[in-house]
N, C-alpha and C. Protein backbone atom coordinates (compact mmCIF):
# COMPACT_ATOMS: atom_id res chain seq x y z
N MET A 1 0.82 -1.19 0.00
CA MET A 1 0.00 0.00 0.00
C MET A 1 0.87 1.26 0.00
N GLN A 2 1.98 1.23 0.68
CA GLN A 2 2.85 2.40 0.72
C GLN A 2 3.31 2.78 -0.68
N ASN A 3 3.52 1.79 -1.55
CA ASN A 3 3.95 2.06 -2.91
C ASN A 3 2.93 2.91 -3.66
N VAL A 4 1.66 2.63 -3.48
CA VAL A 4 0.60 3.41 -4.13
C VAL A 4 0.64 4.85 -3.63
N LYS A 5 0.85 5.04 -2.33
CA LYS A 5 0.94 6.39 -1.78
C LYS A 5 2.14 7.14 -2.35
N ASP A 6 3.26 6.44 -2.57
CA ASP A 6 4.44 7.07 -3.14
C ASP A 6 4.22 7.47 -4.59
N ILE A 7 3.60 6.59 -5.34
CA ILE A 7 3.38 6.84 -6.77
C ILE A 7 2.40 7.98 -7.00
N TYR A 8 1.33 8.01 -6.20
CA TYR A 8 0.27 8.99 -6.40
C TYR A 8 0.21 9.98 -5.23
N GLN A 9 1.37 10.52 -4.86
CA GLN A 9 1.46 11.41 -3.70
C GLN A 9 0.46 12.56 -3.76
N ASP A 10 0.28 13.17 -4.93
CA ASP A 10 -0.59 14.33 -5.04
C ASP A 10 -2.04 14.02 -4.69
N VAL A 11 -2.46 12.77 -4.88
CA VAL A 11 -3.83 12.37 -4.58
C VAL A 11 -4.06 12.32 -3.07
N PHE A 12 -3.01 12.07 -2.31
CA PHE A 12 -3.14 11.90 -0.87
C PHE A 12 -2.81 13.18 -0.09
N GLU A 13 -2.68 14.31 -0.78
CA GLU A 13 -2.36 15.57 -0.12
C GLU A 13 -3.52 16.54 -0.25
N GLY A 14 -3.75 17.32 0.80
CA GLY A 14 -4.78 18.35 0.76
C GLY A 14 -6.18 17.79 0.67
N LEU A 15 -7.12 18.66 0.34
CA LEU A 15 -8.51 18.26 0.21
C LEU A 15 -8.83 17.97 -1.24
N GLY A 16 -9.54 16.89 -1.47
CA GLY A 16 -10.07 16.65 -2.79
C GLY A 16 -11.40 17.37 -2.91
N THR A 17 -11.92 17.48 -4.11
CA THR A 17 -13.23 18.11 -4.28
C THR A 17 -14.10 17.23 -5.15
N LEU A 18 -15.39 17.31 -4.88
CA LEU A 18 -16.37 16.52 -5.63
C LEU A 18 -17.20 17.46 -6.49
N GLY A 19 -17.04 17.36 -7.79
CA GLY A 19 -17.89 18.09 -8.71
C GLY A 19 -17.74 19.60 -8.65
N PRO A 20 -18.67 20.30 -9.31
CA PRO A 20 -18.61 21.77 -9.33
C PRO A 20 -18.98 22.35 -7.97
N ALA A 21 -18.67 23.62 -7.79
CA ALA A 21 -18.98 24.30 -6.53
C ALA A 21 -20.49 24.28 -6.28
N LEU A 22 -20.85 24.05 -5.06
CA LEU A 22 -22.25 23.94 -4.66
C LEU A 22 -22.88 25.31 -4.47
N HIS A 23 -24.11 25.45 -4.95
CA HIS A 23 -24.88 26.67 -4.72
C HIS A 23 -26.04 26.35 -3.80
N LEU A 24 -26.09 27.02 -2.66
CA LEU A 24 -27.18 26.85 -1.71
C LEU A 24 -28.26 27.89 -2.01
N GLU A 25 -29.50 27.44 -2.05
CA GLU A 25 -30.60 28.36 -2.33
C GLU A 25 -31.32 28.73 -1.04
N VAL A 26 -31.63 30.02 -0.91
CA VAL A 26 -32.30 30.55 0.27
C VAL A 26 -33.70 31.01 -0.11
N ASP A 27 -34.65 30.73 0.76
CA ASP A 27 -36.01 31.22 0.58
C ASP A 27 -35.97 32.75 0.68
N PRO A 28 -36.31 33.45 -0.40
CA PRO A 28 -36.21 34.92 -0.39
C PRO A 28 -37.17 35.60 0.59
N GLU A 29 -38.16 34.87 1.07
CA GLU A 29 -39.11 35.45 2.02
C GLU A 29 -38.57 35.46 3.45
N MET A 30 -37.47 34.76 3.68
CA MET A 30 -36.87 34.70 5.02
C MET A 30 -35.90 35.87 5.20
N SER A 31 -35.97 36.50 6.35
CA SER A 31 -35.07 37.61 6.66
C SER A 31 -33.75 37.07 7.20
N PRO A 32 -32.62 37.63 6.73
CA PRO A 32 -31.31 37.20 7.24
C PRO A 32 -31.18 37.44 8.74
N VAL A 33 -30.36 36.62 9.38
CA VAL A 33 -30.12 36.71 10.82
C VAL A 33 -28.61 36.82 11.04
N GLN A 34 -28.21 37.75 11.91
CA GLN A 34 -26.81 37.87 12.30
C GLN A 34 -26.72 37.62 13.81
N LEU A 35 -26.10 36.52 14.17
CA LEU A 35 -25.96 36.17 15.58
C LEU A 35 -24.61 36.66 16.12
N PRO A 36 -24.57 37.11 17.37
CA PRO A 36 -23.30 37.53 17.97
C PRO A 36 -22.46 36.30 18.31
N PRO A 37 -21.17 36.50 18.57
CA PRO A 37 -20.35 35.35 18.98
C PRO A 37 -20.79 34.85 20.35
N ARG A 38 -20.75 33.54 20.52
CA ARG A 38 -21.06 32.96 21.83
C ARG A 38 -19.83 33.05 22.72
N LYS A 39 -20.07 33.02 24.01
CA LYS A 39 -18.95 33.00 24.95
C LYS A 39 -18.25 31.65 24.86
N ILE A 40 -16.94 31.71 24.82
CA ILE A 40 -16.11 30.51 24.75
C ILE A 40 -15.34 30.41 26.06
N PRO A 41 -15.36 29.25 26.72
CA PRO A 41 -14.57 29.11 27.96
C PRO A 41 -13.10 29.45 27.71
N GLU A 42 -12.50 30.11 28.66
CA GLU A 42 -11.11 30.54 28.53
C GLU A 42 -10.20 29.37 28.16
N SER A 43 -10.46 28.20 28.73
CA SER A 43 -9.61 27.02 28.47
C SER A 43 -9.69 26.55 27.02
N LEU A 44 -10.72 26.97 26.28
CA LEU A 44 -10.88 26.52 24.89
C LEU A 44 -10.49 27.60 23.87
N LYS A 45 -10.17 28.80 24.35
CA LYS A 45 -9.88 29.89 23.41
C LYS A 45 -8.62 29.64 22.59
N GLN A 46 -7.53 29.23 23.24
CA GLN A 46 -6.29 28.99 22.49
C GLN A 46 -6.45 27.80 21.53
N PRO A 47 -7.02 26.67 21.97
CA PRO A 47 -7.26 25.59 21.01
C PRO A 47 -8.17 26.02 19.85
N LEU A 48 -9.16 26.88 20.12
CA LEU A 48 -10.02 27.37 19.05
C LEU A 48 -9.22 28.21 18.07
N ARG A 49 -8.39 29.11 18.58
CA ARG A 49 -7.57 29.95 17.70
C ARG A 49 -6.68 29.07 16.81
N GLU A 50 -6.05 28.06 17.39
CA GLU A 50 -5.19 27.16 16.62
C GLU A 50 -5.99 26.39 15.57
N HIS A 51 -7.18 25.95 15.94
CA HIS A 51 -8.03 25.20 15.01
C HIS A 51 -8.46 26.09 13.84
N LEU A 52 -8.85 27.32 14.15
CA LEU A 52 -9.23 28.26 13.09
C LEU A 52 -8.06 28.52 12.15
N ASP A 53 -6.86 28.71 12.72
CA ASP A 53 -5.66 28.93 11.90
C ASP A 53 -5.41 27.74 10.98
N GLU A 54 -5.60 26.53 11.50
CA GLU A 54 -5.39 25.32 10.69
C GLU A 54 -6.43 25.24 9.57
N LEU A 55 -7.69 25.56 9.86
CA LEU A 55 -8.73 25.52 8.83
C LEU A 55 -8.49 26.57 7.75
N VAL A 56 -7.96 27.73 8.14
CA VAL A 56 -7.60 28.76 7.16
C VAL A 56 -6.47 28.25 6.28
N LYS A 57 -5.46 27.64 6.90
CA LYS A 57 -4.32 27.09 6.15
C LYS A 57 -4.77 26.03 5.15
N LEU A 58 -5.74 25.20 5.55
CA LEU A 58 -6.28 24.16 4.67
C LEU A 58 -7.25 24.71 3.62
N GLU A 59 -7.56 26.00 3.72
CA GLU A 59 -8.52 26.67 2.83
C GLU A 59 -9.94 26.11 2.97
N VAL A 60 -10.26 25.66 4.18
CA VAL A 60 -11.61 25.19 4.49
C VAL A 60 -12.47 26.39 4.90
N ILE A 61 -11.86 27.35 5.61
CA ILE A 61 -12.54 28.59 5.97
C ILE A 61 -11.67 29.76 5.54
N GLU A 62 -12.27 30.94 5.56
CA GLU A 62 -11.56 32.17 5.17
C GLU A 62 -12.06 33.30 6.06
N ARG A 63 -11.16 34.16 6.47
CA ARG A 63 -11.53 35.31 7.31
C ARG A 63 -12.44 36.24 6.51
N VAL A 64 -13.42 36.84 7.21
CA VAL A 64 -14.36 37.79 6.60
C VAL A 64 -14.25 39.11 7.35
N ASP A 65 -13.93 40.20 6.63
CA ASP A 65 -13.82 41.50 7.29
C ASP A 65 -14.73 42.54 6.65
N TYR A 66 -15.86 42.08 6.13
CA TYR A 66 -16.85 42.96 5.52
C TYR A 66 -18.24 42.43 5.92
N PRO A 67 -19.27 43.27 5.81
CA PRO A 67 -20.61 42.85 6.25
C PRO A 67 -21.16 41.70 5.40
N THR A 68 -21.86 40.79 6.05
CA THR A 68 -22.57 39.70 5.37
C THR A 68 -23.99 39.64 5.94
N ASP A 69 -24.92 39.19 5.13
CA ASP A 69 -26.32 39.15 5.57
C ASP A 69 -26.56 38.10 6.65
N TRP A 70 -25.96 36.95 6.48
CA TRP A 70 -26.17 35.84 7.42
C TRP A 70 -24.91 35.65 8.25
N VAL A 71 -25.07 35.54 9.57
CA VAL A 71 -23.94 35.24 10.46
C VAL A 71 -24.44 34.25 11.51
N SER A 72 -23.84 33.07 11.53
CA SER A 72 -24.21 32.03 12.49
C SER A 72 -23.28 32.05 13.69
N ALA A 73 -23.67 31.35 14.72
CA ALA A 73 -22.84 31.17 15.91
C ALA A 73 -22.11 29.82 15.80
N ILE A 74 -21.19 29.60 16.70
CA ILE A 74 -20.51 28.31 16.77
C ILE A 74 -20.63 27.75 18.18
N VAL A 75 -20.40 26.45 18.26
CA VAL A 75 -20.29 25.76 19.54
C VAL A 75 -18.93 25.07 19.52
N VAL A 76 -18.20 25.19 20.59
CA VAL A 76 -16.88 24.56 20.69
C VAL A 76 -16.93 23.54 21.82
N ALA A 77 -16.51 22.32 21.51
CA ALA A 77 -16.52 21.25 22.51
C ALA A 77 -15.15 20.58 22.54
N PRO A 78 -14.66 20.25 23.75
CA PRO A 78 -13.38 19.54 23.82
C PRO A 78 -13.53 18.09 23.37
N LYS A 79 -12.49 17.58 22.70
CA LYS A 79 -12.45 16.18 22.30
C LYS A 79 -11.59 15.42 23.31
N PRO A 80 -11.76 14.11 23.42
CA PRO A 80 -10.95 13.33 24.36
C PRO A 80 -9.45 13.44 24.11
N ASN A 81 -9.05 13.70 22.85
CA ASN A 81 -7.62 13.77 22.52
C ASN A 81 -7.01 15.14 22.82
N GLY A 82 -7.78 16.05 23.45
CA GLY A 82 -7.26 17.37 23.80
C GLY A 82 -7.53 18.43 22.75
N LYS A 83 -7.92 18.02 21.56
CA LYS A 83 -8.26 18.99 20.52
C LYS A 83 -9.71 19.44 20.73
N ILE A 84 -10.21 20.25 19.81
CA ILE A 84 -11.59 20.72 19.94
C ILE A 84 -12.42 20.30 18.73
N ARG A 85 -13.70 20.31 18.94
CA ARG A 85 -14.65 20.11 17.86
C ARG A 85 -15.33 21.46 17.65
N LEU A 86 -15.24 21.98 16.43
CA LEU A 86 -15.88 23.24 16.07
C LEU A 86 -17.17 22.92 15.34
N CYS A 87 -18.28 23.34 15.90
CA CYS A 87 -19.59 23.05 15.31
C CYS A 87 -20.29 24.35 14.94
N LEU A 88 -20.68 24.46 13.69
CA LEU A 88 -21.48 25.59 13.25
C LEU A 88 -22.90 25.39 13.78
N ASP A 89 -23.51 26.45 14.27
CA ASP A 89 -24.90 26.39 14.72
C ASP A 89 -25.74 27.26 13.78
N PRO A 90 -26.12 26.69 12.62
CA PRO A 90 -26.82 27.48 11.61
C PRO A 90 -28.35 27.36 11.68
N ARG A 91 -28.90 27.20 12.86
CA ARG A 91 -30.35 26.98 12.96
C ARG A 91 -31.18 28.04 12.24
N PRO A 92 -30.90 29.35 12.41
CA PRO A 92 -31.69 30.33 11.65
C PRO A 92 -31.50 30.17 10.13
N LEU A 93 -30.27 29.94 9.69
CA LEU A 93 -30.00 29.74 8.27
C LEU A 93 -30.72 28.50 7.75
N ASN A 94 -30.70 27.41 8.53
CA ASN A 94 -31.34 26.17 8.09
C ASN A 94 -32.83 26.35 7.81
N LYS A 95 -33.47 27.25 8.55
CA LYS A 95 -34.89 27.51 8.31
C LYS A 95 -35.11 28.16 6.94
N ALA A 96 -34.08 28.85 6.44
CA ALA A 96 -34.19 29.57 5.17
C ALA A 96 -33.67 28.77 3.98
N LEU A 97 -32.82 27.77 4.22
CA LEU A 97 -32.23 27.02 3.11
C LEU A 97 -33.26 26.11 2.45
N LYS A 98 -33.28 26.14 1.13
CA LYS A 98 -34.13 25.22 0.38
C LYS A 98 -33.39 23.89 0.29
N ARG A 99 -34.11 22.82 0.49
CA ARG A 99 -33.49 21.49 0.46
C ARG A 99 -33.83 20.78 -0.84
N CYS A 100 -32.92 19.91 -1.26
CA CYS A 100 -33.13 19.17 -2.51
C CYS A 100 -33.94 17.90 -2.28
N HIS A 101 -34.09 17.46 -1.05
CA HIS A 101 -34.91 16.31 -0.67
C HIS A 101 -34.59 15.05 -1.46
N HIS A 102 -33.31 14.71 -1.52
CA HIS A 102 -32.91 13.41 -2.04
C HIS A 102 -33.00 12.43 -0.88
N PRO A 103 -33.80 11.39 -0.99
CA PRO A 103 -33.89 10.46 0.14
C PRO A 103 -32.57 9.73 0.35
N ILE A 104 -32.14 9.67 1.58
CA ILE A 104 -30.91 8.96 1.92
C ILE A 104 -31.26 7.48 2.06
N GLN A 105 -30.52 6.64 1.33
CA GLN A 105 -30.82 5.21 1.33
C GLN A 105 -30.52 4.58 2.69
N THR A 106 -31.34 3.60 3.03
CA THR A 106 -31.13 2.84 4.26
C THR A 106 -30.43 1.54 3.90
N ILE A 107 -29.98 0.81 4.90
CA ILE A 107 -29.34 -0.49 4.67
C ILE A 107 -30.30 -1.45 3.97
N ASP A 108 -31.59 -1.35 4.29
CA ASP A 108 -32.59 -2.20 3.63
C ASP A 108 -32.72 -1.89 2.14
N ASP A 109 -32.46 -0.65 1.75
CA ASP A 109 -32.49 -0.28 0.34
C ASP A 109 -31.27 -0.80 -0.40
N VAL A 110 -30.13 -0.81 0.27
CA VAL A 110 -28.86 -1.12 -0.38
C VAL A 110 -28.58 -2.62 -0.46
N LEU A 111 -28.91 -3.38 0.57
CA LEU A 111 -28.56 -4.81 0.62
C LEU A 111 -29.02 -5.61 -0.60
N PRO A 112 -30.25 -5.46 -1.09
CA PRO A 112 -30.64 -6.24 -2.26
C PRO A 112 -29.78 -5.96 -3.49
N GLU A 113 -29.27 -4.73 -3.60
CA GLU A 113 -28.42 -4.38 -4.73
C GLU A 113 -27.04 -5.03 -4.63
N LEU A 114 -26.67 -5.49 -3.45
CA LEU A 114 -25.35 -6.08 -3.23
C LEU A 114 -25.35 -7.60 -3.26
N SER A 115 -26.49 -8.21 -3.50
CA SER A 115 -26.61 -9.66 -3.36
C SER A 115 -25.64 -10.44 -4.25
N ASN A 116 -25.30 -9.94 -5.42
CA ASN A 116 -24.39 -10.66 -6.32
C ASN A 116 -22.99 -10.05 -6.36
N ALA A 117 -22.73 -9.10 -5.52
CA ALA A 117 -21.43 -8.43 -5.52
C ALA A 117 -20.34 -9.37 -5.00
N LYS A 118 -19.16 -9.26 -5.57
CA LYS A 118 -18.04 -10.10 -5.17
C LYS A 118 -16.91 -9.28 -4.53
N VAL A 119 -16.86 -8.00 -4.82
CA VAL A 119 -15.80 -7.14 -4.30
C VAL A 119 -16.44 -5.98 -3.57
N PHE A 120 -15.92 -5.69 -2.38
CA PHE A 120 -16.44 -4.59 -1.58
C PHE A 120 -15.30 -3.66 -1.21
N THR A 121 -15.61 -2.40 -1.05
CA THR A 121 -14.63 -1.41 -0.65
C THR A 121 -15.17 -0.65 0.55
N LYS A 122 -14.30 -0.41 1.49
CA LYS A 122 -14.67 0.40 2.64
C LYS A 122 -13.89 1.70 2.54
N VAL A 123 -14.59 2.82 2.61
CA VAL A 123 -13.96 4.12 2.49
C VAL A 123 -14.35 4.96 3.70
N ASP A 124 -13.37 5.55 4.35
CA ASP A 124 -13.63 6.46 5.45
C ASP A 124 -13.38 7.87 4.94
N CYS A 125 -14.44 8.60 4.72
CA CYS A 125 -14.32 9.98 4.22
C CYS A 125 -14.13 10.92 5.40
N SER A 126 -12.91 11.05 5.85
CA SER A 126 -12.61 11.95 6.96
C SER A 126 -12.98 13.38 6.55
N ASN A 127 -13.81 14.02 7.36
CA ASN A 127 -14.29 15.37 7.03
C ASN A 127 -14.86 15.42 5.61
N GLY A 128 -15.66 14.43 5.29
CA GLY A 128 -16.18 14.26 3.93
C GLY A 128 -16.88 15.46 3.36
N TYR A 129 -17.64 16.18 4.17
CA TYR A 129 -18.37 17.34 3.63
C TYR A 129 -17.41 18.39 3.09
N TRP A 130 -16.20 18.42 3.61
CA TRP A 130 -15.22 19.40 3.13
C TRP A 130 -14.79 19.13 1.70
N GLN A 131 -15.17 17.99 1.14
CA GLN A 131 -14.85 17.69 -0.25
C GLN A 131 -15.76 18.46 -1.20
N VAL A 132 -16.83 19.07 -0.65
CA VAL A 132 -17.80 19.80 -1.46
C VAL A 132 -17.52 21.30 -1.33
N GLU A 133 -17.02 21.88 -2.40
CA GLU A 133 -16.71 23.31 -2.41
C GLU A 133 -18.00 24.13 -2.54
N LEU A 134 -18.03 25.27 -1.85
CA LEU A 134 -19.17 26.18 -1.95
C LEU A 134 -18.87 27.30 -2.93
N ASP A 135 -19.88 27.73 -3.71
CA ASP A 135 -19.66 28.91 -4.54
C ASP A 135 -19.62 30.14 -3.62
N GLU A 136 -19.19 31.28 -4.16
CA GLU A 136 -18.98 32.47 -3.33
C GLU A 136 -20.25 32.91 -2.60
N GLU A 137 -21.37 32.94 -3.29
CA GLU A 137 -22.63 33.37 -2.67
C GLU A 137 -23.01 32.45 -1.51
N SER A 138 -22.84 31.15 -1.71
CA SER A 138 -23.17 30.18 -0.66
C SER A 138 -22.19 30.27 0.49
N SER A 139 -20.93 30.51 0.17
CA SER A 139 -19.91 30.64 1.20
C SER A 139 -20.26 31.79 2.15
N LEU A 140 -20.75 32.88 1.62
CA LEU A 140 -21.13 34.03 2.46
C LEU A 140 -22.27 33.69 3.41
N LEU A 141 -23.15 32.78 3.00
CA LEU A 141 -24.25 32.36 3.87
C LEU A 141 -23.74 31.67 5.13
N THR A 142 -22.56 31.06 5.04
CA THR A 142 -22.03 30.26 6.14
C THR A 142 -21.09 31.05 7.06
N THR A 143 -21.11 32.36 6.95
CA THR A 143 -20.28 33.20 7.82
C THR A 143 -20.62 32.91 9.28
N PHE A 144 -19.59 32.85 10.12
CA PHE A 144 -19.82 32.60 11.55
C PHE A 144 -18.95 33.51 12.40
N ASN A 145 -19.42 33.78 13.59
CA ASN A 145 -18.77 34.68 14.54
C ASN A 145 -17.93 33.90 15.54
N THR A 146 -16.75 34.41 15.84
CA THR A 146 -15.90 33.84 16.89
C THR A 146 -15.34 35.01 17.70
N PRO A 147 -14.73 34.74 18.84
CA PRO A 147 -14.07 35.81 19.59
C PRO A 147 -12.90 36.42 18.82
N PHE A 148 -12.46 35.75 17.76
CA PHE A 148 -11.30 36.19 16.98
C PHE A 148 -11.70 36.79 15.63
N GLY A 149 -12.97 37.07 15.45
CA GLY A 149 -13.43 37.65 14.20
C GLY A 149 -14.39 36.71 13.48
N ARG A 150 -14.78 37.13 12.29
CA ARG A 150 -15.73 36.33 11.51
C ARG A 150 -14.99 35.57 10.41
N PHE A 151 -15.55 34.40 10.09
CA PHE A 151 -15.01 33.53 9.06
C PHE A 151 -16.17 32.99 8.24
N LYS A 152 -15.88 32.52 7.04
CA LYS A 152 -16.89 31.84 6.23
C LYS A 152 -16.31 30.52 5.76
N TRP A 153 -17.18 29.56 5.58
CA TRP A 153 -16.77 28.26 5.08
C TRP A 153 -16.58 28.33 3.57
N GLN A 154 -15.49 27.79 3.08
CA GLN A 154 -15.26 27.68 1.64
C GLN A 154 -15.68 26.28 1.16
N GLN A 155 -15.74 25.36 2.10
CA GLN A 155 -16.18 23.99 1.83
C GLN A 155 -17.48 23.80 2.61
N MET A 156 -18.27 22.80 2.24
CA MET A 156 -19.55 22.59 2.90
C MET A 156 -19.34 22.22 4.36
N PRO A 157 -19.96 22.98 5.28
CA PRO A 157 -19.80 22.66 6.70
C PRO A 157 -20.80 21.62 7.17
N PHE A 158 -20.45 20.94 8.24
CA PHE A 158 -21.39 20.07 8.93
C PHE A 158 -22.43 20.98 9.58
N GLY A 159 -23.66 20.57 9.59
CA GLY A 159 -24.68 21.33 10.30
C GLY A 159 -25.71 22.00 9.42
N ILE A 160 -25.36 22.29 8.16
CA ILE A 160 -26.39 22.91 7.32
C ILE A 160 -27.38 21.83 6.87
N SER A 161 -28.64 22.18 6.82
CA SER A 161 -29.71 21.18 6.63
C SER A 161 -29.59 20.33 5.36
N PRO A 162 -29.16 20.86 4.22
CA PRO A 162 -29.10 19.98 3.04
C PRO A 162 -27.81 19.18 2.91
N ALA A 163 -26.89 19.27 3.86
CA ALA A 163 -25.57 18.65 3.71
C ALA A 163 -25.62 17.15 3.47
N GLY A 164 -26.39 16.42 4.27
CA GLY A 164 -26.45 14.96 4.11
C GLY A 164 -26.98 14.54 2.76
N GLU A 165 -28.02 15.22 2.29
CA GLU A 165 -28.61 14.90 0.99
C GLU A 165 -27.64 15.20 -0.14
N ILE A 166 -26.91 16.30 -0.01
CA ILE A 166 -25.97 16.70 -1.05
C ILE A 166 -24.78 15.75 -1.09
N PHE A 167 -24.25 15.39 0.07
CA PHE A 167 -23.04 14.58 0.12
C PHE A 167 -23.27 13.15 -0.34
N GLN A 168 -24.43 12.61 -0.07
CA GLN A 168 -24.67 11.21 -0.42
C GLN A 168 -24.59 11.03 -1.91
């Protein structure tokens, strides 16, 4: 397996992307909401700053220093390994997002299709939603507030209502 990684090094670096940039549609009758930053425990501020810096470096998020119509809050939770989990809380935005309503298949839907299969592959899509790039207009919808300023997602974040349907 190491040989494959050596031969195709570029495939195993950075984020891959799936298809064209995603456009999120908003119900025009919904009024935009701008939420203030939530209080972050002092013990989580430095890990949050480091995590934000890493996401900027990976080009998953980008700093925003101009007004945007929609601004969500975040929730920060410690992980057992000492790092943090950054969660977007886009509840007001989710009420305005139009969904594509693709039904997500269940195991009962998939098993009959696999009855004659001979080869199976297991894939772990670490941070899989980040493989879906957002177009500029959609990226602005995902702006979020932190104690260190505002940022927007350049890749699809976890938490937006159509994410599961889009990613599947």
